[in-house]
């Protein structure tokens, strides 16, 4: 995979964050050519006492 491929994945994760009302931030961790971690921003959902997220 290329850096552009990894960036596309991070942008897709950011879109997932935006779709649930979060700030659109996505990230991946790459070691060698393997994705070893990924996620997106979720502080709003983690602090929602109603559990709507």
C-alpha atoms as a PDB file:
ATOM      1  CA  UNK A   1       0.000   0.000   0.000  1.00  0.00           C
ATOM      2  CA  UNK A   2       1.064   3.581  -0.576  1.00  0.00           C
ATOM      3  CA  UNK A   3       0.862   6.596   1.715  1.00  0.00           C
ATOM      4  CA  UNK A   4      -2.135   7.728  -0.349  1.00  0.00           C
ATOM      5  CA  UNK A   5      -3.897   4.424   0.376  1.00  0.00           C
ATOM      6  CA  UNK A   6      -3.312   4.873   4.100  1.00  0.00           C
ATOM      7  CA  UNK A   7      -4.558   8.454   3.947  1.00  0.00           C
ATOM      8  CA  UNK A   8      -7.746   7.312   2.209  1.00  0.00           C
ATOM      9  CA  UNK A   9      -8.385   4.894   5.065  1.00  0.00           C
ATOM     10  CA  UNK A  10      -7.800   7.647   7.642  1.00  0.00           C
ATOM     11  CA  UNK A  11     -10.201   9.932   5.753  1.00  0.00           C
ATOM     12  CA  UNK A  12     -12.836   7.177   5.701  1.00  0.00           C
ATOM     13  CA  UNK A  13     -12.464   6.870   9.475  1.00  0.00           C
ATOM     14  CA  UNK A  14     -12.863  10.639   9.784  1.00  0.00           C
ATOM     15  CA  UNK A  15     -16.072  10.385   7.781  1.00  0.00           C
ATOM     16  CA  UNK A  16     -17.325   7.723  10.190  1.00  0.00           C
ATOM     17  CA  UNK A  17     -16.664  10.118  13.073  1.00  0.00           C
ATOM     18  CA  UNK A  18     -18.535  12.915  11.309  1.00  0.00           C
ATOM     19  CA  UNK A  19     -21.494  10.634  10.597  1.00  0.00           C
ATOM     20  CA  UNK A  20     -22.070  10.148  14.342  1.00  0.00           C
ATOM     21  CA  UNK A  21     -21.694  13.849  15.165  1.00  0.00           C
ATOM     22  CA  UNK A  22     -18.032  13.857  16.154  1.00  0.00           C
ATOM     23  CA  UNK A  23     -15.235  16.124  14.983  1.00  0.00           C
ATOM     24  CA  UNK A  24     -14.004  14.394  11.796  1.00  0.00           C
ATOM     25  CA  UNK A  25     -10.618  13.006  12.811  1.00  0.00           C
ATOM     26  CA  UNK A  26      -9.422   9.541  11.772  1.00  0.00           C
ATOM     27  CA  UNK A  27      -6.068   7.873  12.306  1.00  0.00           C
ATOM     28  CA  UNK A  28      -4.209   4.677  11.520  1.00  0.00           C
ATOM     29  CA  UNK A  29      -0.938   3.245  12.819  1.00  0.00           C
ATOM     30  CA  UNK A  30       1.221   1.462  10.257  1.00  0.00           C
ATOM     31  CA  UNK A  31       4.222  -0.747  11.008  1.00  0.00           C
ATOM     32  CA  UNK A  32       6.058  -1.900   7.917  1.00  0.00           C
ATOM     33  CA  UNK A  33       3.212  -2.403   5.456  1.00  0.00           C
ATOM     34  CA  UNK A  34       0.691  -3.574   8.050  1.00  0.00           C
ATOM     35  CA  UNK A  35      -2.027  -1.517   9.727  1.00  0.00           C
ATOM     36  CA  UNK A  36      -1.651  -2.289  13.419  1.00  0.00           C
ATOM     37  CA  UNK A  37      -4.179   0.212  14.776  1.00  0.00           C
ATOM     38  CA  UNK A  38      -6.965   2.507  13.682  1.00  0.00           C
ATOM     39  CA  UNK A  39      -9.742   4.649  15.081  1.00  0.00           C
ATOM     40  CA  UNK A  40     -11.586   7.932  15.000  1.00  0.00           C
ATOM     41  CA  UNK A  41     -12.447  10.802  17.289  1.00  0.00           C
ATOM     42  CA  UNK A  42     -15.205  10.020  19.803  1.00  0.00           C
ATOM     43  CA  UNK A  43     -15.097  12.273  22.903  1.00  0.00           C
ATOM     44  CA  UNK A  44     -18.657  13.491  22.383  1.00  0.00           C
ATOM     45  CA  UNK A  45     -20.126   9.980  22.318  1.00  0.00           C
ATOM     46  CA  UNK A  46     -18.022   8.796  25.212  1.00  0.00           C
ATOM     47  CA  UNK A  47     -19.492  11.545  27.386  1.00  0.00           C
ATOM     48  CA  UNK A  48     -23.139  11.201  26.297  1.00  0.00           C
ATOM     49  CA  UNK A  49     -25.114  10.109  29.381  1.00  0.00           C
ATOM     50  CA  UNK A  50     -28.028   9.043  27.169  1.00  0.00           C
ATOM     51  CA  UNK A  51     -25.899   6.542  25.235  1.00  0.00           C
ATOM     52  CA  UNK A  52     -27.200   7.790  21.873  1.00  0.00           C
ATOM     53  CA  UNK A  53     -23.929   7.118  20.048  1.00  0.00           C
END
